[in-house]
Amino acid sequence: MASPRHRSFPLRLLILFPVSLCILLLLRRSSYAAPPLIPARPAPDPHRFSLLIKLLAYDRPAPLLRCLRSLAAADYDGDRVALHVLLDHLPPNSSAPLLAASHEILTAVDAFPWPHGEKRIHYRAANVGLQAQWIEAWWPGSDDEFAFVVEDDLEVSPLYYRFLKRVVMRYYYDRENYSPYVFGASLQRPRFVAGKHGNKIQLDSETRLFLYQMVGTWGQLLFPKPWKEFRLWYDEQKAKGIKPILQGMKTTGWYRKMGERIWTPWFIKFIHSRGYFNIYTNFLKERALSISHRDAGVNYGRSVGPDSTLLDGNNLDFNVWQLQPLKKLKCGTEDCEEPYLPS
């Protein structure tokens, strides 16, 4: 019989090895705050997948109808998809003609046919502005509920829903391609780097999808868990009087100029504090599945026209449905760290 002394060495080695491995994995993410613990809920199930369209509107009737028509014309793959229109109210003491115009918008939205599922309209009783429109747009009902948020001057491709559904199935429900550090996907064309001097993103012609620490307000898909985390983080930051300032970021200049009228500096500071990433598309020839017509409003003093060309079946010259494994997606900038990918 072998002595206990000879048996104990490999046993200690077996115990120490996984402990050392855990320490190494923890050190890898030491620069970022870990996602908070979430109470136990049913595991995400692709059969329970649902997507809500959150359309944010205010006082632009023609762009709003253009956006509604593009959403209604999309291919929903036989799925039931709910449309929620959040119509902001005019400021106090608005003139009677302006109020009448706002009521005409409400009537037009009310009458607009939506054959793909439930249509719900939230007509606000007071003016809240763009920041509250975004932040209050959604609280996920489950870990299988996703939101696609669009502003009223957007136009989407007929292919947008099928693409987003594939993204969710690939990078959320597929455990081999899932990371808790990916918070969603943007359909807008990437145009600049928000840090330093706002230079354009440099990507090779073979890159179709990439990771970037930036939110895209021109057609943004939000995953449920990171959005809930952001909402709680936002409450804490506001309660402490902390501002969404990030040194060296172009968004800081936006905030100093526009203040609480915009929400993006808050979310961008949140994702940088957590090390979270967004999935972006790069379809070349300035094409995208969602385009902004950049009509006059909070972000633009005057209308400047579309920022991209809408990608549809007529100009589709590549396989838009082919999605790489998450570990092969590149970062959009040279100085970003790859997101943590569970093994």
Foldseek 3Di string as FASTA:
>chain_A
DDDPVVVVVVVVVVVVVVVVVVVVLCVVQVQFDAADDDPDDPDDDLVLAAEEEEEEEEQDQVLQVQAVVLVQLADQVLAQYEYEYEYFYDAPPDDPVSNVSSVVSVVVLVPDDRPRHHYHYHYDPHGDADQCSVLVRDADPDQNYKYKYAYSQKHFESCVNVLQSLCCVQAPVPLQQHDPQEFWAAFAAQAFDQFAPGHGFDDDPVAFKAKELFADHQIIMGGNSVSVVLSVVVVVCVVVVHDLDDPRGNVNVVCVVQPSNDNRSSSSSVSVNRLHIYMYGHNPPQETRMWGQQADDSVHPHGDGIRGHYDYPVPDPDPSSDDDRNVPHYYRDPPRDRGDRDD
